[in-house]
């Protein structure tokens, strides 16, 4: 799996997805459209050459992007 340099917004989106938020919830929290969240997610997955949301979450966890915090 490739290494990816994330933008600040991508980091925010990914962190919220890792916490279990839906794309709609992420959009509401970040005050962006669900389509924009989907775009960020797609760009990350494409750059990493992964095909599922679970792989994206696993990528974040393996790289210690998951912080011990409550939802």
N, C-alpha and C. Protein backbone atom coordinates (compact mmCIF):
# COMPACT_ATOMS: atom_id res chain seq x y z
N UNK A 1 0.84 -1.19 0.00
CA UNK A 1 0.00 0.00 0.00
C UNK A 1 0.88 1.24 0.00
N UNK A 2 0.49 2.22 -0.76
CA UNK A 2 1.25 3.46 -0.88
C UNK A 2 1.13 4.31 0.38
N UNK A 3 2.07 5.23 0.51
CA UNK A 3 2.01 6.24 1.57
C UNK A 3 1.35 7.48 0.98
N UNK A 4 0.56 8.17 1.73
CA UNK A 4 -0.18 9.31 1.23
C UNK A 4 0.06 10.52 2.11
N UNK A 5 0.29 11.66 1.48
CA UNK A 5 0.36 12.92 2.20
C UNK A 5 -1.02 13.55 2.10
N UNK A 6 -1.66 13.71 3.23
CA UNK A 6 -3.03 14.22 3.26
C UNK A 6 -3.06 15.72 3.47
N UNK A 7 -4.06 16.35 2.87
CA UNK A 7 -4.30 17.76 3.14
C UNK A 7 -4.94 17.86 4.53
N UNK A 8 -4.97 19.04 5.08
CA UNK A 8 -5.60 19.22 6.40
C UNK A 8 -7.07 18.80 6.36
N UNK A 9 -7.77 19.16 5.29
CA UNK A 9 -9.19 18.81 5.19
C UNK A 9 -9.36 17.29 5.08
N UNK A 10 -8.49 16.64 4.31
CA UNK A 10 -8.57 15.18 4.20
C UNK A 10 -8.33 14.52 5.56
N UNK A 11 -7.40 15.06 6.33
CA UNK A 11 -7.15 14.55 7.67
C UNK A 11 -8.39 14.68 8.54
N UNK A 12 -9.07 15.83 8.44
CA UNK A 12 -10.30 16.05 9.22
C UNK A 12 -11.37 15.05 8.81
N UNK A 13 -11.56 14.90 7.51
CA UNK A 13 -12.57 13.97 7.00
C UNK A 13 -12.26 12.55 7.47
N UNK A 14 -11.02 12.13 7.29
CA UNK A 14 -10.64 10.77 7.65
C UNK A 14 -10.78 10.52 9.15
N UNK A 15 -10.37 11.48 9.96
CA UNK A 15 -10.48 11.34 11.42
C UNK A 15 -11.94 11.16 11.83
N UNK A 16 -12.83 11.90 11.22
CA UNK A 16 -14.26 11.79 11.56
C UNK A 16 -14.84 10.46 11.06
N UNK A 17 -14.40 10.00 9.92
CA UNK A 17 -14.85 8.69 9.42
C UNK A 17 -14.35 7.57 10.32
N UNK A 18 -13.10 7.67 10.77
CA UNK A 18 -12.54 6.66 11.66
C UNK A 18 -13.33 6.59 12.96
N UNK A 19 -13.83 7.73 13.42
CA UNK A 19 -14.62 7.76 14.64
C UNK A 19 -16.01 7.16 14.46
N UNK A 20 -16.35 6.80 13.22
CA UNK A 20 -17.62 6.14 12.98
C UNK A 20 -18.72 7.03 12.44
N UNK A 21 -18.39 8.25 12.10
CA UNK A 21 -19.38 9.16 11.53
C UNK A 21 -19.69 8.77 10.08
N UNK A 22 -20.92 8.99 9.68
CA UNK A 22 -21.28 8.79 8.28
C UNK A 22 -20.79 9.97 7.47
N UNK A 23 -20.80 9.83 6.15
CA UNK A 23 -20.38 10.95 5.30
C UNK A 23 -21.30 12.15 5.51
N UNK A 24 -22.58 11.91 5.71
CA UNK A 24 -23.52 13.01 5.95
C UNK A 24 -23.20 13.71 7.28
N UNK A 25 -22.87 12.93 8.30
CA UNK A 25 -22.51 13.52 9.60
C UNK A 25 -21.21 14.32 9.49
N UNK A 26 -20.24 13.78 8.76
CA UNK A 26 -18.98 14.49 8.55
C UNK A 26 -19.26 15.82 7.85
N UNK A 27 -20.10 15.78 6.85
CA UNK A 27 -20.45 17.00 6.12
C UNK A 27 -21.06 18.04 7.04
N UNK A 28 -21.94 17.62 7.90
CA UNK A 28 -22.59 18.54 8.84
C UNK A 28 -21.57 19.13 9.81
N UNK A 29 -20.72 18.28 10.35
CA UNK A 29 -19.71 18.73 11.31
C UNK A 29 -18.75 19.74 10.68
N UNK A 30 -18.31 19.46 9.45
CA UNK A 30 -17.34 20.32 8.79
C UNK A 30 -17.97 21.45 7.98
N UNK A 31 -19.31 21.46 7.95
CA UNK A 31 -20.05 22.49 7.21
C UNK A 31 -19.68 22.50 5.73
N UNK A 32 -19.65 21.29 5.15
CA UNK A 32 -19.43 21.10 3.72
C UNK A 32 -20.51 20.15 3.21
N UNK A 33 -20.61 19.98 1.92
CA UNK A 33 -21.64 19.11 1.38
C UNK A 33 -21.21 17.64 1.47
N UNK A 34 -22.19 16.72 1.55
CA UNK A 34 -21.85 15.30 1.54
C UNK A 34 -21.07 14.91 0.28
N UNK A 35 -21.36 15.59 -0.81
CA UNK A 35 -20.64 15.31 -2.06
C UNK A 35 -19.16 15.68 -1.94
N UNK A 36 -18.86 16.75 -1.22
CA UNK A 36 -17.47 17.13 -1.00
C UNK A 36 -16.75 16.11 -0.13
N UNK A 37 -17.45 15.60 0.88
CA UNK A 37 -16.88 14.54 1.72
C UNK A 37 -16.57 13.32 0.86
N UNK A 38 -17.52 12.95 0.01
CA UNK A 38 -17.32 11.79 -0.87
C UNK A 38 -16.13 12.02 -1.80
N UNK A 39 -15.97 13.25 -2.27
CA UNK A 39 -14.84 13.58 -3.14
C UNK A 39 -13.52 13.39 -2.41
N UNK A 40 -13.42 13.91 -1.18
CA UNK A 40 -12.19 13.75 -0.40
C UNK A 40 -11.89 12.27 -0.17
N UNK A 41 -12.92 11.53 0.19
CA UNK A 41 -12.76 10.10 0.43
C UNK A 41 -12.29 9.39 -0.84
N UNK A 42 -12.91 9.72 -1.96
CA UNK A 42 -12.53 9.11 -3.23
C UNK A 42 -11.08 9.42 -3.59
N UNK A 43 -10.67 10.67 -3.41
CA UNK A 43 -9.29 11.07 -3.73
C UNK A 43 -8.28 10.31 -2.88
N UNK A 44 -8.59 10.15 -1.59
CA UNK A 44 -7.69 9.40 -0.71
C UNK A 44 -7.61 7.94 -1.14
N UNK A 45 -8.75 7.34 -1.40
CA UNK A 45 -8.78 5.93 -1.79
C UNK A 45 -8.07 5.71 -3.13
N UNK A 46 -8.28 6.61 -4.05
CA UNK A 46 -7.64 6.50 -5.36
C UNK A 46 -6.12 6.62 -5.25
N UNK A 47 -5.65 7.58 -4.47
CA UNK A 47 -4.22 7.79 -4.30
C UNK A 47 -3.55 6.60 -3.61
N UNK A 48 -4.29 5.96 -2.72
CA UNK A 48 -3.75 4.81 -1.98
C UNK A 48 -3.95 3.48 -2.72
N UNK A 49 -4.70 3.55 -3.82
CA UNK A 49 -5.03 2.35 -4.58
C UNK A 49 -5.75 1.32 -3.73
N UNK A 50 -6.72 1.79 -2.95
CA UNK A 50 -7.55 0.89 -2.17
C UNK A 50 -8.98 1.01 -2.66
N UNK A 51 -9.78 -0.02 -2.38
CA UNK A 51 -11.10 -0.09 -2.99
C UNK A 51 -12.27 -0.08 -2.03
N UNK A 52 -12.01 -0.05 -0.74
CA UNK A 52 -13.15 -0.07 0.19
C UNK A 52 -12.94 0.91 1.34
N UNK A 53 -14.05 1.29 1.92
CA UNK A 53 -14.00 2.20 3.07
C UNK A 53 -13.28 1.57 4.24
N UNK A 54 -13.49 0.28 4.43
CA UNK A 54 -12.84 -0.39 5.55
C UNK A 54 -11.33 -0.38 5.40
N UNK A 55 -10.83 -0.52 4.18
CA UNK A 55 -9.39 -0.43 3.95
C UNK A 55 -8.87 0.97 4.27
N UNK A 56 -9.66 1.99 3.95
CA UNK A 56 -9.26 3.37 4.25
C UNK A 56 -9.17 3.57 5.76
N UNK A 57 -10.13 3.06 6.50
CA UNK A 57 -10.13 3.16 7.96
C UNK A 57 -8.94 2.40 8.53
N UNK A 58 -8.69 1.21 8.00
CA UNK A 58 -7.56 0.41 8.46
C UNK A 58 -6.24 1.13 8.20
N UNK A 59 -6.13 1.78 7.05
CA UNK A 59 -4.95 2.58 6.73
C UNK A 59 -4.72 3.64 7.82
N UNK A 60 -5.77 4.33 8.18
CA UNK A 60 -5.66 5.39 9.19
C UNK A 60 -5.25 4.82 10.55
N UNK A 61 -5.85 3.71 10.91
CA UNK A 61 -5.54 3.10 12.21
C UNK A 61 -4.09 2.62 12.24
N UNK A 62 -3.66 1.98 11.19
CA UNK A 62 -2.29 1.46 11.14
C UNK A 62 -1.25 2.57 11.18
N UNK A 63 -1.60 3.74 10.74
CA UNK A 63 -0.66 4.85 10.75
C UNK A 63 -0.89 5.79 11.94
N UNK A 64 -1.55 5.25 12.94
CA UNK A 64 -1.79 5.98 14.20
C UNK A 64 -2.52 7.29 13.99
N UNK A 65 -3.38 7.34 13.00
CA UNK A 65 -4.16 8.54 12.77
C UNK A 65 -5.38 8.56 13.69
N UNK A 66 -5.67 7.42 14.30
CA UNK A 66 -6.79 7.33 15.21
C UNK A 66 -6.34 7.79 16.58
N UNK A 67 -6.97 8.81 17.07
CA UNK A 67 -6.66 9.35 18.39
C UNK A 67 -7.64 8.77 19.40
N UNK A 68 -7.16 8.57 20.60
CA UNK A 68 -8.02 8.07 21.66
C UNK A 68 -8.91 9.21 22.12
N UNK A 69 -10.09 9.28 21.56
CA UNK A 69 -11.03 10.33 21.94
C UNK A 69 -12.43 9.80 21.76
N UNK A 70 -13.35 10.38 22.47
CA UNK A 70 -14.73 9.94 22.35
C UNK A 70 -15.40 10.64 21.20
N UNK A 71 -16.46 10.06 20.73
CA UNK A 71 -17.21 10.57 19.60
C UNK A 71 -18.03 11.76 19.95
